[in-house]
C-alpha atoms as a PDB file:
ATOM      1  CA  GLY A   1       0.041   0.068  -0.180  1.00  0.00           C
ATOM      2  CA  LEU A   2       2.982   2.424   0.185  1.00  0.00           C
ATOM      3  CA  PRO A   3       3.407   3.193  -3.425  1.00  0.00           C
ATOM      4  CA  ASP A   4      -0.037   4.251  -4.243  1.00  0.00           C
ATOM      5  CA  SER A   5      -1.727   5.270  -0.912  1.00  0.00           C
ATOM      6  CA  PRO A   6      -0.942   8.484   0.870  1.00  0.00           C
ATOM      7  CA  ILE A   7      -2.543   6.848   4.139  1.00  0.00           C
ATOM      8  CA  GLY A   8      -0.492   3.788   3.956  1.00  0.00           C
ATOM      9  CA  GLN A   9       2.585   5.946   3.547  1.00  0.00           C
ATOM     10  CA  LEU A  10       1.644   8.120   6.577  1.00  0.00           C
ATOM     11  CA  ALA A  11       0.941   5.045   8.567  1.00  0.00           C
ATOM     12  CA  TRP A  12       4.582   3.714   7.740  1.00  0.00           C
ATOM     13  CA  ILE A  13       6.243   6.862   8.620  1.00  0.00           C
ATOM     14  CA  ASN A  14       4.249   7.326  11.840  1.00  0.00           C
ATOM     15  CA  ASP A  15       4.751   3.880  13.058  1.00  0.00           C
ATOM     16  CA  PRO A  16       8.261   4.484  14.699  1.00  0.00           C
ATOM     17  CA  LEU A  17       7.063   7.706  16.320  1.00  0.00           C
ATOM     18  CA  MET A  18       4.155   5.716  17.875  1.00  0.00           C
ATOM     19  CA  GLY A  19       6.267   3.133  19.406  1.00  0.00           C
ATOM     20  CA  PHE A  20       6.771   0.640  16.706  1.00  0.00           C
ATOM     21  CA  GLY A  21       3.374  -1.221  17.092  1.00  0.00           C
ATOM     22  CA  ARG A  22       3.049  -1.157  20.674  1.00  0.00           C
ATOM     23  CA  TYR A  23       0.260   1.483  20.627  1.00  0.00           C
ATOM     24  CA  ALA A  24       2.004   3.857  22.996  1.00  0.00           C
ATOM     25  CA  PRO A  25       2.240   7.392  22.190  1.00  0.00           C
ATOM     26  CA  PRO A  26       5.460   9.075  22.509  1.00  0.00           C
ATOM     27  CA  GLU A  27       6.218  11.189  25.480  1.00  0.00           C
ATOM     28  CA  PRO A  28       5.304  14.650  25.031  1.00  0.00           C
ATOM     29  CA  ARG A  29       8.255  17.154  24.248  1.00  0.00           C
ATOM     30  CA  ASP A  30       8.416  20.402  26.097  1.00  0.00           C
ATOM     31  CA  ARG A  31       9.091  23.263  23.531  1.00  0.00           C
ATOM     32  CA  ASP A  32       8.736  25.966  26.118  1.00  0.00           C
ATOM     33  CA  GLY A  33      11.758  27.147  27.677  1.00  0.00           C
ATOM     34  CA  ASN A  34      14.098  25.261  25.234  1.00  0.00           C
ATOM     35  CA  PRO A  35      14.845  27.886  22.401  1.00  0.00           C
ATOM     36  CA  THR A  36      16.528  26.107  19.725  1.00  0.00           C
ATOM     37  CA  PRO A  37      18.917  28.320  17.720  1.00  0.00           C
ATOM     38  CA  THR A  38      17.499  28.803  14.213  1.00  0.00           C
ATOM     39  CA  GLY A  39      19.145  29.958  10.957  1.00  0.00           C
ATOM     40  CA  VAL A  40      17.238  31.063   8.059  1.00  0.00           C
ATOM     41  CA  ALA A  41      18.408  31.649   4.398  1.00  0.00           C
ATOM     42  CA  VAL A  42      16.087  33.641   2.233  1.00  0.00           C
ATOM     43  CA  LEU A  43      16.441  33.123  -1.547  1.00  0.00           C
ATOM     44  CA  PRO A  44      15.440  35.742  -4.098  1.00  0.00           C
ATOM     45  CA  TYR A  45      12.446  33.819  -5.334  1.00  0.00           C
ATOM     46  CA  ASN A  46      11.086  32.852  -2.063  1.00  0.00           C
ATOM     47  CA  PHE A  47       8.702  34.417   0.042  1.00  0.00           C
ATOM     48  CA  GLN A  48      10.640  37.773   1.377  1.00  0.00           C
ATOM     49  CA  SER A  49       8.626  38.882   4.379  1.00  0.00           C
ATOM     50  CA  VAL A  50       8.929  35.695   6.337  1.00  0.00           C
ATOM     51  CA  ARG A  51      11.165  37.093   9.074  1.00  0.00           C
ATOM     52  CA  ALA A  52       8.336  38.581  11.105  1.00  0.00           C
ATOM     53  CA  ILE A  53       6.503  35.310  11.178  1.00  0.00           C
ATOM     54  CA  ALA A  54       9.565  33.228  11.782  1.00  0.00           C
ATOM     55  CA  GLU A  55      10.531  35.495  14.704  1.00  0.00           C
ATOM     56  CA  ARG A  56       7.138  34.726  16.571  1.00  0.00           C
ATOM     57  CA  SER A  57       8.108  31.195  17.694  1.00  0.00           C
ATOM     58  CA  ASN A  58      11.717  30.661  16.841  1.00  0.00           C
ATOM     59  CA  ASN A  59      15.117  31.862  18.303  1.00  0.00           C
ATOM     60  CA  ILE A  60      16.552  33.367  15.163  1.00  0.00           C
ATOM     61  CA  VAL A  61      20.387  33.572  15.500  1.00  0.00           C
ATOM     62  CA  HIS A  62      21.302  33.602  11.840  1.00  0.00           C
ATOM     63  CA  TRP A  63      19.605  35.488   8.849  1.00  0.00           C
ATOM     64  CA  SER A  64      20.851  35.670   5.486  1.00  0.00           C
ATOM     65  CA  ALA A  65      19.612  36.838   2.054  1.00  0.00           C
ATOM     66  CA  LEU A  66      21.261  34.725  -0.574  1.00  0.00           C
ATOM     67  CA  GLU A  67      21.794  36.565  -4.022  1.00  0.00           C
ATOM     68  CA  ARG A  68      20.725  33.637  -6.206  1.00  0.00           C
ATOM     69  CA  GLY A  69      18.762  30.369  -5.980  1.00  0.00           C
ATOM     70  CA  GLY A  70      15.224  29.296  -5.561  1.00  0.00           C
ATOM     71  CA  HIS A  71      13.171  26.934  -3.703  1.00  0.00           C
ATOM     72  CA  PHE A  72      15.895  23.947  -4.321  1.00  0.00           C
ATOM     73  CA  ALA A  73      18.833  25.959  -3.069  1.00  0.00           C
ATOM     74  CA  ALA A  74      21.046  22.805  -2.938  1.00  0.00           C
ATOM     75  CA  LEU A  75      20.547  22.389  -6.824  1.00  0.00           C
ATOM     76  CA  ASP A  76      20.266  26.092  -7.655  1.00  0.00           C
ATOM     77  CA  ALA A  77      23.239  27.572  -5.643  1.00  0.00           C
ATOM     78  CA  PRO A  78      25.008  25.026  -3.694  1.00  0.00           C
ATOM     79  CA  ASP A  79      28.050  27.171  -3.160  1.00  0.00           C
ATOM     80  CA  LEU A  80      26.115  29.891  -1.491  1.00  0.00           C
ATOM     81  CA  LEU A  81      23.891  27.421   0.642  1.00  0.00           C
ATOM     82  CA  VAL A  82      27.151  25.519   1.868  1.00  0.00           C
ATOM     83  CA  GLY A  83      28.797  28.779   2.705  1.00  0.00           C
ATOM     84  CA  ASP A  84      25.804  30.005   4.667  1.00  0.00           C
ATOM     85  CA  LEU A  85      25.406  26.539   6.416  1.00  0.00           C
ATOM     86  CA  ARG A  86      28.951  26.698   7.466  1.00  0.00           C
ATOM     87  CA  ALA A  87      28.597  30.338   8.790  1.00  0.00           C
ATOM     88  CA  PHE A  88      25.577  29.309  10.984  1.00  0.00           C
ATOM     89  CA  PHE A  89      27.047  26.146  12.498  1.00  0.00           C
ATOM     90  CA  ARG A  90      30.552  27.913  13.139  1.00  0.00           C
ATOM     91  CA  ARG A  91      29.012  29.835  15.985  1.00  0.00           C
ATOM     92  CA  PHE A  92      28.376  26.341  17.703  1.00  0.00           C
ATOM     93  CA  ARG A  93      31.961  25.116  17.531  1.00  0.00           C
END
């Protein structure tokens, strides 16, 4: 049922999260008080006013506007994306 059923695919993906068939839901994760550092790279053909929305519920520590690329930045501008990822993670060394 996986290749032709979205519900079958969802069940397959969700099974490990739900306890590998034990029917036990996972323990709830507390997101309050645990601000995960977040980096955002905005590409020229993406939604440009996303910062105000992103800052509502994320700890934005790195924001960059790349000069070229589109939705698939890894294919469109891999050099810029790799440089930006390195700049983001450099602060956590």
